[in-house]
Amino acid sequence: MERKPVHVAMFSGGAASAYVAYQMVQTYGKENCILFFTNTLWEDEDNYRFMDEVAEYIGLEITERVDGRTPEEVFYDYRFLGNSRLAKCSEELKVYQTIVFLEELRDVHNLEPILYFGIGPHETHRSDNLREFYKHNPIEPIETRFPMIETFREDIDAKSIIQKEWGIKLPRMYEMGFSHANCGGRCVRGGYQHYAQLYKIWPERYALQEEMEENFRKHFEKNVSILKKDGGPYTLKQYREQMDREGIDNFLKTQDETVPCVCTFS
């Protein structure tokens, strides 16, 4: 029997994914749509507020999947500390949970998922990667759509629309200057600028991340770190001490080369 299509917005708590979800529901109707969120348990509390308000505005409940582990617990399970190049946390807590959910839609509910992502025209390399991923990793290929690239020809200012037309305040991490709101600022894919920002805005969260890194190093007796310098480890403790010595503002200007992983879009 042929599966009935169901439209799934990959809702990350970002402005673009919220706008795409809204347009998807307007086009296909609530009864044919799902608002899907994978929770790492490290998200900033204001992200949840934003997502709840968007879900209410759209008129669709959030379908949430949670592994139950935090990123730190994943690092211990794999004996591998996530860093800017490889983050098992994203793979386990988001990607795997998503694939299981999509296969359930097919096997249990006889639905054929079509995925929607809030990726913009300046990020086509990421849309290409996701398109390839969902072609090959589920049991059968899954169609992916990127309305910000493919449908909306003019440059959409999703943040402005959400604030001014919907009357919903954006997640606070945007106005605090973070480039993305993953894991409440504790994203291991963040680089030097990201962690300088975290230290300036939320020193207590930086301290949690530094403590996690130090504990991991001691527990496994490995010289590893989230950040790298000159091809080798550079711990958050070393970085904090350098920022204290040289002034934190000197580190807020350097653009990070690293980009957030699939978390941003899933």
C-alpha atoms as a PDB file:
ATOM      1  CA  MET A   1       0.000   0.000   0.000  1.00  0.00           C
ATOM      2  CA  GLU A   2       1.332   3.397  -0.947  1.00  0.00           C
ATOM      3  CA  ARG A   3       2.371   5.588   1.963  1.00  0.00           C
ATOM      4  CA  LYS A   4       0.625   8.887   2.577  1.00  0.00           C
ATOM      5  CA  PRO A   5       3.012  11.892   2.507  1.00  0.00           C
ATOM      6  CA  VAL A   6       3.658  13.725   5.778  1.00  0.00           C
ATOM      7  CA  HIS A   7       5.560  17.022   5.914  1.00  0.00           C
ATOM      8  CA  VAL A   8       8.134  17.199   8.724  1.00  0.00           C
ATOM      9  CA  ALA A   9       9.714  20.513   9.784  1.00  0.00           C
ATOM     10  CA  MET A  10      13.106  19.934  11.385  1.00  0.00           C
ATOM     11  CA  PHE A  11      12.611  22.397  14.216  1.00  0.00           C
ATOM     12  CA  SER A  12      15.836  23.447  15.934  1.00  0.00           C
ATOM     13  CA  GLY A  13      14.558  26.495  17.775  1.00  0.00           C
ATOM     14  CA  GLY A  14      16.041  28.834  15.181  1.00  0.00           C
ATOM     15  CA  ALA A  15      14.216  31.653  13.378  1.00  0.00           C
ATOM     16  CA  ALA A  16      14.616  30.171   9.880  1.00  0.00           C
ATOM     17  CA  SER A  17      13.320  26.735  10.856  1.00  0.00           C
ATOM     18  CA  ALA A  18      10.349  28.405  12.599  1.00  0.00           C
ATOM     19  CA  TYR A  19       9.490  30.406   9.475  1.00  0.00           C
ATOM     20  CA  VAL A  20       9.821  27.335   7.232  1.00  0.00           C
ATOM     21  CA  ALA A  21       7.577  25.343   9.594  1.00  0.00           C
ATOM     22  CA  TYR A  22       4.913  28.073   9.458  1.00  0.00           C
ATOM     23  CA  GLN A  23       4.941  28.189   5.646  1.00  0.00           C
ATOM     24  CA  MET A  24       4.821  24.391   5.454  1.00  0.00           C
ATOM     25  CA  VAL A  25       1.670  24.301   7.607  1.00  0.00           C
ATOM     26  CA  GLN A  26       0.068  27.095   5.550  1.00  0.00           C
ATOM     27  CA  THR A  27       0.707  25.085   2.383  1.00  0.00           C
ATOM     28  CA  TYR A  28      -0.203  21.548   3.470  1.00  0.00           C
ATOM     29  CA  GLY A  29      -2.456  21.950   6.511  1.00  0.00           C
ATOM     30  CA  LYS A  30      -1.824  21.009  10.141  1.00  0.00           C
ATOM     31  CA  GLU A  31      -3.248  17.518   9.693  1.00  0.00           C
ATOM     32  CA  ASN A  32      -0.478  16.679   7.199  1.00  0.00           C
ATOM     33  CA  CYS A  33       2.440  18.254   9.114  1.00  0.00           C
ATOM     34  CA  ILE A  34       4.792  17.470  12.010  1.00  0.00           C
ATOM     35  CA  LEU A  35       6.973  19.865  14.007  1.00  0.00           C
ATOM     36  CA  PHE A  36       9.958  17.709  14.999  1.00  0.00           C
ATOM     37  CA  PHE A  37      12.550  18.477  17.675  1.00  0.00           C
ATOM     38  CA  THR A  38      15.397  16.385  19.091  1.00  0.00           C
ATOM     39  CA  ASN A  39      16.433  17.434  22.589  1.00  0.00           C
ATOM     40  CA  THR A  40      20.046  17.216  23.800  1.00  0.00           C
ATOM     41  CA  LEU A  41      19.043  18.187  27.384  1.00  0.00           C
ATOM     42  CA  TRP A  42      21.616  20.997  27.239  1.00  0.00           C
ATOM     43  CA  GLU A  43      19.413  23.545  25.455  1.00  0.00           C
ATOM     44  CA  ASP A  44      19.060  27.057  26.860  1.00  0.00           C
ATOM     45  CA  GLU A  45      15.737  27.421  28.684  1.00  0.00           C
ATOM     46  CA  ASP A  46      14.745  30.378  26.505  1.00  0.00           C
ATOM     47  CA  ASN A  47      14.916  28.128  23.425  1.00  0.00           C
ATOM     48  CA  TYR A  48      12.085  26.070  24.903  1.00  0.00           C
ATOM     49  CA  ARG A  49      10.045  29.236  25.507  1.00  0.00           C
ATOM     50  CA  PHE A  50      10.569  30.310  21.890  1.00  0.00           C
ATOM     51  CA  MET A  51       9.675  26.887  20.496  1.00  0.00           C
ATOM     52  CA  ASP A  52       6.508  26.663  22.598  1.00  0.00           C
ATOM     53  CA  GLU A  53       5.357  30.117  21.454  1.00  0.00           C
ATOM     54  CA  VAL A  54       6.079  29.306  17.795  1.00  0.00           C
ATOM     55  CA  ALA A  55       4.261  25.966  18.068  1.00  0.00           C
ATOM     56  CA  GLU A  56       1.227  27.748  19.549  1.00  0.00           C
ATOM     57  CA  TYR A  57       1.313  30.382  16.791  1.00  0.00           C
ATOM     58  CA  ILE A  58       1.543  27.733  14.072  1.00  0.00           C
ATOM     59  CA  GLY A  59      -1.106  25.598  15.784  1.00  0.00           C
ATOM     60  CA  LEU A  60       0.963  22.424  15.868  1.00  0.00           C
ATOM     61  CA  GLU A  61       2.266  20.535  18.894  1.00  0.00           C
ATOM     62  CA  ILE A  62       5.986  19.783  19.021  1.00  0.00           C
ATOM     63  CA  THR A  63       6.876  16.134  18.451  1.00  0.00           C
ATOM     64  CA  GLU A  64       9.959  15.653  20.613  1.00  0.00           C
ATOM     65  CA  ARG A  65      12.457  12.833  20.744  1.00  0.00           C
ATOM     66  CA  VAL A  66      15.077  12.561  23.445  1.00  0.00           C
ATOM     67  CA  ASP A  67      17.828   9.980  23.795  1.00  0.00           C
ATOM     68  CA  GLY A  68      18.035  10.549  27.554  1.00  0.00           C
ATOM     69  CA  ARG A  69      21.779  11.192  27.624  1.00  0.00           C
ATOM     70  CA  THR A  70      23.513  14.556  27.666  1.00  0.00           C
ATOM     71  CA  PRO A  71      26.408  15.271  25.264  1.00  0.00           C
ATOM     72  CA  GLU A  72      28.806  14.671  28.157  1.00  0.00           C
ATOM     73  CA  GLU A  73      27.389  11.187  28.748  1.00  0.00           C
ATOM     74  CA  VAL A  74      27.808  10.405  25.041  1.00  0.00           C
ATOM     75  CA  PHE A  75      31.480  11.453  25.243  1.00  0.00           C
ATOM     76  CA  TYR A  76      32.040   9.043  28.132  1.00  0.00           C
ATOM     77  CA  ASP A  77      30.194   6.212  26.392  1.00  0.00           C
ATOM     78  CA  TYR A  78      32.436   6.583  23.331  1.00  0.00           C
ATOM     79  CA  ARG A  79      35.567   7.529  25.300  1.00  0.00           C
ATOM     80  CA  PHE A  80      35.880  10.419  22.855  1.00  0.00           C
ATOM     81  CA  LEU A  81      35.606  14.128  23.644  1.00  0.00           C
ATOM     82  CA  GLY A  82      33.675  15.999  20.961  1.00  0.00           C
ATOM     83  CA  ASN A  83      35.532  18.782  19.149  1.00  0.00           C
ATOM     84  CA  SER A  84      35.180  21.102  16.159  1.00  0.00           C
ATOM     85  CA  ARG A  85      35.848  18.271  13.702  1.00  0.00           C
ATOM     86  CA  LEU A  86      33.882  15.392  15.181  1.00  0.00           C
ATOM     87  CA  ALA A  87      30.902  15.482  17.517  1.00  0.00           C
ATOM     88  CA  LYS A  88      29.338  12.117  18.390  1.00  0.00           C
ATOM     89  CA  CYS A  89      26.784  14.005  20.494  1.00  0.00           C
ATOM     90  CA  SER A  90      25.101  15.350  17.376  1.00  0.00           C
ATOM     91  CA  GLU A  91      25.176  11.939  15.728  1.00  0.00           C
ATOM     92  CA  GLU A  92      23.705  10.084  18.704  1.00  0.00           C
ATOM     93  CA  LEU A  93      21.302  12.606  20.223  1.00  0.00           C
ATOM     94  CA  LYS A  94      19.943  14.157  17.040  1.00  0.00           C
ATOM     95  CA  VAL A  95      20.716  12.260  13.843  1.00  0.00           C
ATOM     96  CA  TYR A  96      20.096   8.747  15.178  1.00  0.00           C
ATOM     97  CA  GLN A  97      16.900   9.827  16.962  1.00  0.00           C
ATOM     98  CA  THR A  98      15.695  11.439  13.729  1.00  0.00           C
ATOM     99  CA  ILE A  99      16.359   8.361  11.587  1.00  0.00           C
ATOM    100  CA  VAL A 100      14.540   6.090  14.078  1.00  0.00           C
ATOM    101  CA  PHE A 101      11.544   8.460  14.111  1.00  0.00           C
ATOM    102  CA  LEU A 102      11.395   8.631  10.304  1.00  0.00           C
ATOM    103  CA  GLU A 103      11.515   4.845   9.969  1.00  0.00           C
ATOM    104  CA  GLU A 104       8.699   4.613  12.546  1.00  0.00           C
ATOM    105  CA  LEU A 105       6.559   6.950  10.438  1.00  0.00           C
ATOM    106  CA  ARG A 106       7.020   4.549   7.534  1.00  0.00           C
ATOM    107  CA  ASP A 107       6.777   1.193   9.292  1.00  0.00           C
ATOM    108  CA  VAL A 108       4.178   1.923  11.985  1.00  0.00           C
ATOM    109  CA  HIS A 109       2.030   4.675  10.451  1.00  0.00           C
ATOM    110  CA  ASN A 110       2.491   4.004   6.719  1.00  0.00           C
ATOM    111  CA  LEU A 111       3.531   7.635   6.165  1.00  0.00           C
ATOM    112  CA  GLU A 112       6.194   8.899   3.768  1.00  0.00           C
ATOM    113  CA  PRO A 113       8.152  11.750   5.422  1.00  0.00           C
ATOM    114  CA  ILE A 114       9.285  14.810   3.473  1.00  0.00           C
ATOM    115  CA  LEU A 115      11.793  16.874   5.468  1.00  0.00           C
ATOM    116  CA  TYR A 116      11.962  20.676   5.619  1.00  0.00           C
ATOM    117  CA  PHE A 117      15.067  22.568   6.750  1.00  0.00           C
ATOM    118  CA  GLY A 118      15.589  26.266   7.477  1.00  0.00           C
ATOM    119  CA  ILE A 119      18.886  26.568   5.609  1.00  0.00           C
ATOM    120  CA  GLY A 120      19.504  29.783   3.676  1.00  0.00           C
ATOM    121  CA  PRO A 121      20.976  30.427   0.205  1.00  0.00           C
ATOM    122  CA  HIS A 122      24.407  31.217   1.687  1.00  0.00           C
ATOM    123  CA  GLU A 123      24.610  27.699   3.166  1.00  0.00           C
ATOM    124  CA  THR A 124      24.066  25.535   0.089  1.00  0.00           C
ATOM    125  CA  HIS A 125      27.037  23.312   1.000  1.00  0.00           C
ATOM    126  CA  ARG A 126      25.100  22.255   4.092  1.00  0.00           C
ATOM    127  CA  SER A 127      21.898  21.625   2.173  1.00  0.00           C
ATOM    128  CA  ASP A 128      23.898  19.493  -0.291  1.00  0.00           C
ATOM    129  CA  ASN A 129      25.337  17.464   2.604  1.00  0.00           C
ATOM    130  CA  LEU A 130      21.915  16.919   4.166  1.00  0.00           C
ATOM    131  CA  ARG A 131      20.377  15.985   0.827  1.00  0.00           C
ATOM    132  CA  GLU A 132      23.079  13.342   0.343  1.00  0.00           C
ATOM    133  CA  PHE A 133      22.766  12.109   3.928  1.00  0.00           C
ATOM    134  CA  TYR A 134      19.008  11.486   3.694  1.00  0.00           C
ATOM    135  CA  LYS A 135      19.450   9.814   0.317  1.00  0.00           C
ATOM    136  CA  HIS A 136      21.761   7.163   1.718  1.00  0.00           C
ATOM    137  CA  ASN A 137      21.290   6.734   5.484  1.00  0.00           C
ATOM    138  CA  PRO A 138      17.638   5.815   5.977  1.00  0.00           C
ATOM    139  CA  ILE A 139      16.575   2.390   4.676  1.00  0.00           C
ATOM    140  CA  GLU A 140      15.031   4.134   1.650  1.00  0.00           C
ATOM    141  CA  PRO A 141      15.902   7.670   0.461  1.00  0.00           C
ATOM    142  CA  ILE A 142      13.930  10.507   2.078  1.00  0.00           C
ATOM    143  CA  GLU A 143      13.046  13.682   0.197  1.00  0.00           C
ATOM    144  CA  THR A 144      14.529  16.871   1.647  1.00  0.00           C
ATOM    145  CA  ARG A 145      13.309  20.399   0.943  1.00  0.00           C
ATOM    146  CA  PHE A 146      15.012  23.742   1.599  1.00  0.00           C
ATOM    147  CA  PRO A 147      12.359  26.437   1.059  1.00  0.00           C
ATOM    148  CA  MET A 148      14.695  29.316   1.979  1.00  0.00           C
ATOM    149  CA  ILE A 149      16.775  28.310  -1.068  1.00  0.00           C
ATOM    150  CA  GLU A 150      14.260  26.694  -3.425  1.00  0.00           C
ATOM    151  CA  THR A 151      10.924  28.449  -2.842  1.00  0.00           C
ATOM    152  CA  PHE A 152      11.260  31.946  -1.413  1.00  0.00           C
ATOM    153  CA  ARG A 153      13.062  33.813  -4.169  1.00  0.00           C
ATOM    154  CA  GLU A 154      13.450  37.085  -2.299  1.00  0.00           C
ATOM    155  CA  ASP A 155      15.690  37.299   0.739  1.00  0.00           C
ATOM    156  CA  ILE A 156      13.368  36.530   3.674  1.00  0.00           C
ATOM    157  CA  ASP A 157      14.102  38.227   6.995  1.00  0.00           C
ATOM    158  CA  ALA A 158      12.641  35.503   9.193  1.00  0.00           C
ATOM    159  CA  LYS A 159      13.839  37.130  12.427  1.00  0.00           C
ATOM    160  CA  SER A 160      12.056  40.391  11.641  1.00  0.00           C
ATOM    161  CA  ILE A 161       8.825  38.630  10.582  1.00  0.00           C
ATOM    162  CA  ILE A 162       8.736  36.514  13.746  1.00  0.00           C
ATOM    163  CA  GLN A 163       9.287  39.507  16.008  1.00  0.00           C
ATOM    164  CA  LYS A 164       7.188  42.147  14.248  1.00  0.00           C
ATOM    165  CA  GLU A 165       4.372  40.159  12.617  1.00  0.00           C
ATOM    166  CA  TRP A 166       4.089  37.166  14.935  1.00  0.00           C
ATOM    167  CA  GLY A 167       4.918  39.141  18.089  1.00  0.00           C
ATOM    168  CA  ILE A 168       7.294  36.458  19.340  1.00  0.00           C
ATOM    169  CA  LYS A 169      10.620  37.342  20.950  1.00  0.00           C
ATOM    170  CA  LEU A 170      13.596  35.504  19.445  1.00  0.00           C
ATOM    171  CA  PRO A 171      15.697  33.171  21.608  1.00  0.00           C
ATOM    172  CA  ARG A 172      17.865  35.335  23.851  1.00  0.00           C
ATOM    173  CA  MET A 173      21.095  33.781  22.557  1.00  0.00           C
ATOM    174  CA  TYR A 174      20.647  35.697  19.279  1.00  0.00           C
ATOM    175  CA  GLU A 175      20.692  39.109  20.959  1.00  0.00           C
ATOM    176  CA  MET A 176      23.571  38.002  23.157  1.00  0.00           C
ATOM    177  CA  GLY A 177      25.698  37.675  20.030  1.00  0.00           C
ATOM    178  CA  PHE A 178      25.944  33.902  19.646  1.00  0.00           C
ATOM    179  CA  SER A 179      25.985  32.712  16.034  1.00  0.00           C
ATOM    180  CA  HIS A 180      23.736  29.775  16.952  1.00  0.00           C
ATOM    181  CA  ALA A 181      21.856  28.609  20.027  1.00  0.00           C
ATOM    182  CA  ASN A 182      22.945  24.979  20.209  1.00  0.00           C
ATOM    183  CA  CYS A 183      23.283  23.329  23.607  1.00  0.00           C
ATOM    184  CA  GLY A 184      22.945  26.557  25.565  1.00  0.00           C
ATOM    185  CA  GLY A 185      26.316  27.773  24.322  1.00  0.00           C
ATOM    186  CA  ARG A 186      28.151  24.580  25.267  1.00  0.00           C
ATOM    187  CA  CYS A 187      28.396  23.304  21.683  1.00  0.00           C
ATOM    188  CA  VAL A 188      31.708  21.492  21.185  1.00  0.00           C
ATOM    189  CA  ARG A 189      31.749  22.587  17.542  1.00  0.00           C
ATOM    190  CA  GLY A 190      32.180  26.198  18.667  1.00  0.00           C
ATOM    191  CA  GLY A 191      35.587  27.772  18.121  1.00  0.00           C
ATOM    192  CA  TYR A 192      37.631  30.486  19.840  1.00  0.00           C
ATOM    193  CA  GLN A 193      35.194  33.332  19.281  1.00  0.00           C
ATOM    194  CA  HIS A 194      32.261  31.212  20.407  1.00  0.00           C
ATOM    195  CA  TYR A 195      33.939  30.242  23.674  1.00  0.00           C
ATOM    196  CA  ALA A 196      35.119  33.814  24.301  1.00  0.00           C
ATOM    197  CA  GLN A 197      31.477  34.854  23.923  1.00  0.00           C
ATOM    198  CA  LEU A 198      30.383  32.119  26.317  1.00  0.00           C
ATOM    199  CA  TYR A 199      33.002  33.186  28.889  1.00  0.00           C
ATOM    200  CA  LYS A 200      31.917  36.815  28.654  1.00  0.00           C
ATOM    201  CA  ILE A 201      28.134  36.230  28.765  1.00  0.00           C
ATOM    202  CA  TRP A 202      27.868  33.114  30.913  1.00  0.00           C
ATOM    203  CA  PRO A 203      31.112  32.466  32.809  1.00  0.00           C
ATOM    204  CA  GLU A 204      29.279  29.850  34.878  1.00  0.00           C
ATOM    205  CA  ARG A 205      28.479  27.827  31.720  1.00  0.00           C
ATOM    206  CA  TYR A 206      32.054  28.190  30.536  1.00  0.00           C
ATOM    207  CA  ALA A 207      33.122  26.842  33.947  1.00  0.00           C
ATOM    208  CA  LEU A 208      30.834  23.812  33.490  1.00  0.00           C
ATOM    209  CA  GLN A 209      32.363  23.099  30.104  1.00  0.00           C
ATOM    210  CA  GLU A 210      35.903  23.573  31.432  1.00  0.00           C
ATOM    211  CA  GLU A 211      35.144  21.230  34.337  1.00  0.00           C
ATOM    212  CA  MET A 212      33.712  18.621  31.967  1.00  0.00           C
ATOM    213  CA  GLU A 213      36.843  18.776  29.810  1.00  0.00           C
ATOM    214  CA  GLU A 214      39.193  18.514  32.807  1.00  0.00           C
ATOM    215  CA  ASN A 215      37.239  15.588  34.283  1.00  0.00           C
ATOM    216  CA  PHE A 216      37.286  13.756  30.939  1.00  0.00           C
ATOM    217  CA  ARG A 217      41.048  14.263  30.562  1.00  0.00           C
ATOM    218  CA  LYS A 218      41.680  12.888  34.056  1.00  0.00           C
ATOM    219  CA  HIS A 219      39.200  10.016  33.803  1.00  0.00           C
ATOM    220  CA  PHE A 220      40.623   8.634  30.545  1.00  0.00           C
ATOM    221  CA  GLU A 221      44.176   9.952  31.082  1.00  0.00           C
ATOM    222  CA  LYS A 222      44.100  11.480  27.612  1.00  0.00           C
ATOM    223  CA  ASN A 223      45.600  14.782  26.496  1.00  0.00           C
ATOM    224  CA  VAL A 224      42.517  15.888  24.550  1.00  0.00           C
ATOM    225  CA  SER A 225      40.537  19.122  24.304  1.00  0.00           C
ATOM    226  CA  ILE A 226      37.578  20.758  22.583  1.00  0.00           C
ATOM    227  CA  LEU A 227      39.716  23.520  21.053  1.00  0.00           C
ATOM    228  CA  LYS A 228      42.935  23.004  19.103  1.00  0.00           C
ATOM    229  CA  LYS A 229      46.008  25.204  18.745  1.00  0.00           C
ATOM    230  CA  ASP A 230      48.958  24.655  16.404  1.00  0.00           C
ATOM    231  CA  GLY A 231      47.625  21.197  15.609  1.00  0.00           C
ATOM    232  CA  GLY A 232      47.533  20.098  19.243  1.00  0.00           C
ATOM    233  CA  PRO A 233      45.212  20.231  22.264  1.00  0.00           C
ATOM    234  CA  TYR A 234      44.424  23.597  23.837  1.00  0.00           C
ATOM    235  CA  THR A 235      42.243  23.263  26.920  1.00  0.00           C
ATOM    236  CA  LEU A 236      39.455  25.587  27.978  1.00  0.00           C
ATOM    237  CA  LYS A 237      41.455  26.170  31.179  1.00  0.00           C
ATOM    238  CA  GLN A 238      44.440  27.375  29.128  1.00  0.00           C
ATOM    239  CA  TYR A 239      42.181  29.512  26.972  1.00  0.00           C
ATOM    240  CA  ARG A 240      40.446  31.072  29.992  1.00  0.00           C
ATOM    241  CA  GLU A 241      43.815  31.919  31.528  1.00  0.00           C
ATOM    242  CA  GLN A 242      44.945  33.515  28.254  1.00  0.00           C
ATOM    243  CA  MET A 243      41.726  35.573  28.042  1.00  0.00           C
ATOM    244  CA  ASP A 244      42.203  36.693  31.661  1.00  0.00           C
ATOM    245  CA  ARG A 245      45.759  37.784  30.883  1.00  0.00           C
ATOM    246  CA  GLU A 246      45.180  39.516  27.538  1.00  0.00           C
ATOM    247  CA  GLY A 247      41.596  40.762  27.933  1.00  0.00           C
ATOM    248  CA  ILE A 248      38.525  38.926  26.713  1.00  0.00           C
ATOM    249  CA  ASP A 249      37.577  41.578  24.123  1.00  0.00           C
ATOM    250  CA  ASN A 250      40.634  40.648  22.026  1.00  0.00           C
ATOM    251  CA  PHE A 251      39.115  37.223  21.458  1.00  0.00           C
ATOM    252  CA  LEU A 252      35.595  38.299  20.567  1.00  0.00           C
ATOM    253  CA  LYS A 253      36.618  39.733  17.192  1.00  0.00           C
ATOM    254  CA  THR A 254      38.194  36.670  15.584  1.00  0.00           C
ATOM    255  CA  GLN A 255      35.772  34.915  13.246  1.00  0.00           C
ATOM    256  CA  ASP A 256      35.576  31.178  13.903  1.00  0.00           C
ATOM    257  CA  GLU A 257      36.402  28.895  11.009  1.00  0.00           C
ATOM    258  CA  THR A 258      34.422  26.056  12.506  1.00  0.00           C
ATOM    259  CA  VAL A 259      30.707  25.745  11.861  1.00  0.00           C
ATOM    260  CA  PRO A 260      28.008  24.180  13.997  1.00  0.00           C
ATOM    261  CA  CYS A 261      27.176  20.635  13.050  1.00  0.00           C
ATOM    262  CA  VAL A 262      23.913  19.107  11.935  1.00  0.00           C
ATOM    263  CA  CYS A 263      22.401  20.149  15.287  1.00  0.00           C
ATOM    264  CA  THR A 264      21.667  23.525  13.821  1.00  0.00           C
ATOM    265  CA  PHE A 265      19.345  22.048  11.243  1.00  0.00           C
ATOM    266  CA  SER A 266      17.929  18.933  12.811  1.00  0.00           C
END
